[in-house]
Amino acid sequence: MIRVILLALTLASSVHAAEKAAPAKEEAPAEVPGVAPAPYPLLPPEQVNAFPPEIMERMRAALVALEQARDGQ
């Protein structure tokens, strides 16, 4: 009985230790020759100057209203 418990604890600890493996490091972006490196990480294009969806909706509504006012509708 004790052997079964010890075996179970040994297996559980080895599984638990395997889960704590070091996280993979992110690869550094390749350096472009002739370009100075950025002093900070650059954001992907879809996140640059991104507004929250509710603000984008208000901006679209304002643009539609301006276009309608310009066209005299």
Protein backbone atom coordinates (compact mmCIF):
# COMPACT_ATOMS: atom_id res chain seq x y z
CA MET A 1 0.00 0.00 0.00
CA ILE A 2 2.77 2.41 0.92
CA ARG A 3 4.63 1.49 -2.27
CA VAL A 4 1.57 2.37 -4.34
CA ILE A 5 1.32 5.76 -2.65
CA LEU A 6 5.03 6.45 -3.12
CA LEU A 7 4.82 5.42 -6.78
CA ALA A 8 1.81 7.69 -7.31
CA LEU A 9 3.59 10.62 -5.66
CA THR A 10 6.70 10.03 -7.75
CA LEU A 11 4.71 9.96 -10.97
CA ALA A 12 2.72 13.03 -9.97
CA SER A 13 5.84 15.02 -9.11
CA SER A 14 7.52 14.11 -12.41
CA VAL A 15 4.42 15.21 -14.35
CA HIS A 16 4.25 18.40 -12.31
CA ALA A 17 7.95 19.09 -12.94
CA ALA A 18 7.48 18.57 -16.67
CA GLU A 19 4.75 21.24 -16.72
CA LYS A 20 7.12 23.80 -15.22
CA ALA A 21 9.40 23.78 -18.24
CA ALA A 22 10.92 27.13 -19.07
CA PRO A 23 8.78 29.17 -21.46
CA ALA A 24 10.12 29.55 -24.96
CA LYS A 25 11.94 32.80 -25.53
CA GLU A 26 10.62 35.11 -28.21
CA GLU A 27 12.87 35.43 -31.18
CA ALA A 28 14.42 38.85 -31.64
CA PRO A 29 13.48 40.49 -34.93
CA ALA A 30 16.12 40.29 -37.61
CA GLU A 31 18.18 43.43 -37.88
CA VAL A 32 17.94 45.32 -41.14
CA PRO A 33 21.30 46.57 -42.37
CA GLY A 34 21.55 50.35 -42.59
CA VAL A 35 18.61 51.00 -40.24
CA ALA A 36 19.06 52.11 -36.64
CA PRO A 37 17.47 49.71 -34.14
CA ALA A 38 14.29 50.92 -32.44
CA PRO A 39 14.80 51.96 -28.81
CA TYR A 40 11.51 50.24 -27.95
CA PRO A 41 9.48 47.36 -29.42
CA LEU A 42 7.36 48.43 -32.36
CA LEU A 43 3.64 47.66 -32.42
CA PRO A 44 2.09 45.71 -35.28
CA PRO A 45 0.41 47.96 -37.88
CA GLU A 46 -3.12 47.02 -36.78
CA GLN A 47 -2.42 48.34 -33.26
CA VAL A 48 -0.80 51.64 -34.21
CA ASN A 49 -3.14 54.56 -33.45
CA ALA A 50 -5.93 52.09 -32.72
CA PHE A 51 -9.08 53.48 -31.14
CA PRO A 52 -11.55 51.45 -29.09
CA PRO A 53 -14.52 50.14 -31.14
CA GLU A 54 -17.03 52.47 -29.46
CA ILE A 55 -15.00 55.55 -30.42
CA MET A 56 -14.59 54.25 -33.98
CA GLU A 57 -18.38 53.85 -34.22
CA ARG A 58 -18.93 57.44 -33.03
CA MET A 59 -16.36 58.69 -35.53
CA ARG A 60 -18.08 56.80 -38.37
CA ALA A 61 -21.47 58.23 -37.36
CA ALA A 62 -20.03 61.75 -37.28
CA LEU A 63 -18.45 61.25 -40.71
CA VAL A 64 -21.76 60.05 -42.17
CA ALA A 65 -23.53 63.08 -40.66
CA LEU A 66 -20.92 65.45 -42.13
CA GLU A 67 -21.20 63.86 -45.56
CA GLN A 68 -24.99 64.11 -45.47
CA ALA A 69 -24.81 67.76 -44.38
CA ARG A 70 -22.35 68.51 -47.17
CA ASP A 71 -24.61 66.87 -49.74
CA GLY A 72 -27.66 68.76 -48.42
CA GLN A 73 -29.65 65.71 -47.34
